[in-house]
């Protein structure tokens, strides 16, 4: 008998470090540009309180998360300078804010910006991505959005077939700015999932 997977909004406090490890699995190389020390990245992610997340949970274990930007924030907007300073010191906080500002994106009107869709390696192939995306769809519709956008950098090209299977279509590709290229990010592709009315 298959065990039920529960989908919910928000991160259970007892599972914050587990979610931080999922983020590290998916975004570690990108976040390392802003926060080089892995331990510091994990701690900051676990301490995030305003990060908007839909989570897939089974028997208390977080199997996947989908984070999104809304009026309240998102991955690159999450950390205040004061919080970064407390964890990283002045120079570390300055570096982190500058790099996170470069990585930050803005959503267009009627668009929900998906930061990422992460499923634990051992839980893939079970439809969790679709289940998480269904929850994000609910949020987007409640906010009056007509589409969900996901930007994929060249380092994450391996995930493109998964996003296309979920219904995302490429909208545009382009080169990143000079400073992003200096950080090793050369191009990005925007994928859009249109929400039927």
Protein backbone atom coordinates (compact mmCIF):
# COMPACT_ATOMS: atom_id res chain seq x y z
CA UNK A 1 0.00 0.00 0.00
CA UNK A 2 1.36 3.42 -0.95
CA UNK A 3 1.74 5.93 1.83
CA UNK A 4 0.01 9.27 1.44
CA UNK A 5 2.03 12.31 0.52
CA UNK A 6 0.83 15.50 2.20
CA UNK A 7 1.28 18.82 0.44
CA UNK A 8 1.37 21.95 2.53
CA UNK A 9 2.49 25.55 2.44
CA UNK A 10 5.36 26.52 4.67
CA UNK A 11 8.21 24.59 6.25
CA UNK A 12 7.69 22.65 9.49
CA UNK A 13 10.12 24.06 12.08
CA UNK A 14 11.44 20.59 12.84
CA UNK A 15 12.38 20.11 9.16
CA UNK A 16 14.11 23.39 8.38
CA UNK A 17 17.59 21.86 8.13
CA UNK A 18 16.27 19.09 5.88
CA UNK A 19 14.81 21.73 3.56
CA UNK A 20 18.11 23.63 3.70
CA UNK A 21 19.87 20.46 2.53
CA UNK A 22 17.41 20.16 -0.39
CA UNK A 23 18.20 23.76 -1.36
CA UNK A 24 21.89 23.01 -1.11
CA UNK A 25 21.41 20.00 -3.39
CA UNK A 26 19.69 22.15 -6.03
CA UNK A 27 21.20 25.62 -5.63
CA UNK A 28 24.44 25.05 -3.73
CA UNK A 29 26.77 25.98 -6.57
CA UNK A 30 24.79 29.14 -7.35
CA UNK A 31 24.46 30.19 -3.70
CA UNK A 32 28.16 29.46 -3.14
CA UNK A 33 28.89 32.49 -5.30
CA UNK A 34 27.24 34.62 -2.61
CA UNK A 35 28.05 32.57 0.50
CA UNK A 36 31.13 30.39 -0.08
CA UNK A 37 31.04 28.43 3.19
CA UNK A 38 28.55 25.54 2.99
CA UNK A 39 27.86 25.53 6.75
CA UNK A 40 26.93 29.22 6.65
CA UNK A 41 24.63 28.68 3.64
CA UNK A 42 22.84 25.80 5.36
CA UNK A 43 22.40 27.76 8.59
CA UNK A 44 21.04 30.83 6.79
CA UNK A 45 18.63 28.71 4.74
CA UNK A 46 17.43 26.88 7.84
CA UNK A 47 16.82 30.21 9.58
CA UNK A 48 14.76 31.62 6.69
CA UNK A 49 11.33 32.57 7.94
CA UNK A 50 9.79 34.46 5.03
CA UNK A 51 10.68 32.05 2.27
CA UNK A 52 7.51 31.11 0.40
CA UNK A 53 7.44 27.32 0.00
CA UNK A 54 5.09 24.50 -0.88
CA UNK A 55 6.35 21.23 0.62
CA UNK A 56 5.68 17.55 -0.10
CA UNK A 57 5.87 15.57 3.15
CA UNK A 58 5.57 11.86 3.85
CA UNK A 59 5.81 10.44 7.38
CA UNK A 60 7.29 13.73 8.60
CA UNK A 61 10.04 13.72 5.95
CA UNK A 62 10.22 16.55 3.41
CA UNK A 63 10.55 14.93 -0.02
CA UNK A 64 10.36 18.08 -2.11
CA UNK A 65 9.81 21.81 -2.06
CA UNK A 66 8.82 24.49 -4.52
CA UNK A 67 9.79 28.02 -3.59
CA UNK A 68 8.25 31.04 -5.18
CA UNK A 69 8.46 34.79 -5.08
CA UNK A 70 5.48 36.79 -4.06
CA UNK A 71 4.99 40.14 -2.41
CA UNK A 72 6.65 38.68 0.69
CA UNK A 73 9.97 37.67 -0.79
CA UNK A 74 11.85 34.78 -2.32
CA UNK A 75 15.21 33.09 -2.17
CA UNK A 76 17.34 36.04 -3.31
CA UNK A 77 15.31 38.61 -1.33
CA UNK A 78 15.19 36.62 1.87
CA UNK A 79 18.34 37.66 3.72
CA UNK A 80 18.60 41.15 5.22
CA UNK A 81 22.03 42.76 5.46
CA UNK A 82 21.71 42.71 9.26
CA UNK A 83 21.10 38.96 9.28
CA UNK A 84 23.95 38.30 6.83
CA UNK A 85 26.25 40.55 8.89
CA UNK A 86 25.47 38.59 12.05
CA UNK A 87 26.41 35.31 10.34
CA UNK A 88 29.14 36.35 7.89
CA UNK A 89 30.72 39.56 9.17
CA UNK A 90 30.82 42.82 7.24
CA UNK A 91 32.78 41.71 4.15
CA UNK A 92 30.91 38.41 3.87
CA UNK A 93 27.55 40.18 4.16
CA UNK A 94 28.58 42.75 1.57
CA UNK A 95 29.65 40.03 -0.87
CA UNK A 96 26.46 38.04 -0.26
CA UNK A 97 24.16 41.06 -0.79
CA UNK A 98 25.95 42.09 -3.99
CA UNK A 99 25.85 38.61 -5.53
CA UNK A 100 22.26 37.96 -4.41
CA UNK A 101 21.25 41.28 -5.96
CA UNK A 102 22.77 40.11 -9.26
CA UNK A 103 20.93 36.80 -9.02
CA UNK A 104 17.64 38.45 -8.07
CA UNK A 105 14.85 38.68 -10.61
CA UNK A 106 11.61 40.57 -10.75
CA UNK A 107 8.25 39.29 -11.80
CA UNK A 108 6.07 40.96 -14.37
CA UNK A 109 2.46 41.87 -13.56
CA UNK A 110 0.20 38.78 -13.42
CA UNK A 111 3.26 36.51 -13.15
CA UNK A 112 4.34 34.32 -10.25
CA UNK A 113 8.09 33.74 -10.22
CA UNK A 114 9.13 30.20 -9.29
CA UNK A 115 12.55 30.13 -7.61
CA UNK A 116 12.89 26.39 -7.88
CA UNK A 117 11.25 23.02 -7.78
CA UNK A 118 13.35 20.56 -5.79
CA UNK A 119 12.65 16.87 -5.25
CA UNK A 120 14.98 14.75 -3.11
CA UNK A 121 17.09 12.37 -5.20
CA UNK A 122 15.56 9.26 -3.65
CA UNK A 123 11.98 10.48 -4.21
CA UNK A 124 12.12 11.34 -7.91
CA UNK A 125 9.80 9.71 -10.44
CA UNK A 126 6.80 9.64 -8.07
CA UNK A 127 4.92 12.68 -9.37
CA UNK A 128 6.04 15.00 -6.57
CA UNK A 129 7.05 17.74 -9.01
CA UNK A 130 3.55 17.75 -10.49
CA UNK A 131 1.98 17.77 -7.01
CA UNK A 132 4.11 20.71 -5.91
CA UNK A 133 3.39 22.58 -9.11
CA UNK A 134 -0.35 22.07 -8.54
CA UNK A 135 0.04 23.84 -5.17
CA UNK A 136 1.98 26.69 -6.78
CA UNK A 137 -0.78 26.91 -9.41
CA UNK A 138 -3.30 27.47 -6.58
CA UNK A 139 -1.18 30.30 -5.14
CA UNK A 140 -0.74 31.91 -8.57
CA UNK A 141 -4.48 31.85 -9.26
CA UNK A 142 -5.28 33.23 -5.80
CA UNK A 143 -2.95 36.16 -6.54
CA UNK A 144 -4.60 36.76 -9.91
CA UNK A 145 -1.61 35.54 -11.94
CA UNK A 146 -2.03 34.21 -15.46
CA UNK A 147 1.37 32.48 -15.69
CA UNK A 148 4.20 30.99 -13.69
CA UNK A 149 7.76 31.84 -14.77
CA UNK A 150 10.92 29.88 -14.06
CA UNK A 151 14.39 31.12 -15.07
CA UNK A 152 16.99 28.42 -15.65
CA UNK A 153 20.70 29.27 -15.85
CA UNK A 154 23.08 27.37 -18.10
CA UNK A 155 24.46 25.37 -15.15
CA UNK A 156 21.03 23.76 -14.63
CA UNK A 157 20.43 22.67 -18.24
CA UNK A 158 19.98 19.06 -17.07
CA UNK A 159 16.61 20.04 -15.50
CA UNK A 160 15.10 21.42 -18.72
CA UNK A 161 13.36 18.18 -19.82
CA UNK A 162 11.71 17.93 -16.38
CA UNK A 163 10.30 21.45 -16.63
CA UNK A 164 9.07 20.84 -20.16
CA UNK A 165 7.32 17.64 -19.00
CA UNK A 166 5.51 19.74 -16.41
CA UNK A 167 4.17 22.01 -19.17
CA UNK A 168 6.68 24.87 -19.10
CA UNK A 169 7.53 26.36 -22.49
CA UNK A 170 10.66 28.37 -23.26
CA UNK A 171 9.88 32.05 -23.70
CA UNK A 172 13.29 33.57 -24.25
CA UNK A 173 16.97 32.86 -23.82
CA UNK A 174 19.62 35.43 -23.30
CA UNK A 175 23.04 36.15 -22.01
CA UNK A 176 23.44 37.32 -18.46
CA UNK A 177 25.12 40.63 -17.65
CA UNK A 178 28.87 41.06 -17.47
CA UNK A 179 29.04 40.68 -13.69
CA UNK A 180 27.00 37.47 -13.79
CA UNK A 181 29.32 36.10 -16.49
CA UNK A 182 32.27 36.88 -14.20
CA UNK A 183 30.56 34.62 -11.65
CA UNK A 184 30.33 31.80 -14.21
CA UNK A 185 26.69 32.29 -15.24
CA UNK A 186 26.64 32.82 -18.99
CA UNK A 187 23.07 32.40 -20.14
CA UNK A 188 19.56 31.95 -18.81
CA UNK A 189 16.31 30.71 -20.32
CA UNK A 190 12.90 31.83 -19.11
CA UNK A 191 10.24 29.12 -19.09
CA UNK A 192 6.56 29.96 -18.71
CA UNK A 193 3.60 27.88 -17.67
CA UNK A 194 0.40 29.58 -18.81
CA UNK A 195 -2.55 29.09 -16.47
CA UNK A 196 -5.82 28.35 -18.27
CA UNK A 197 -8.66 30.63 -17.27
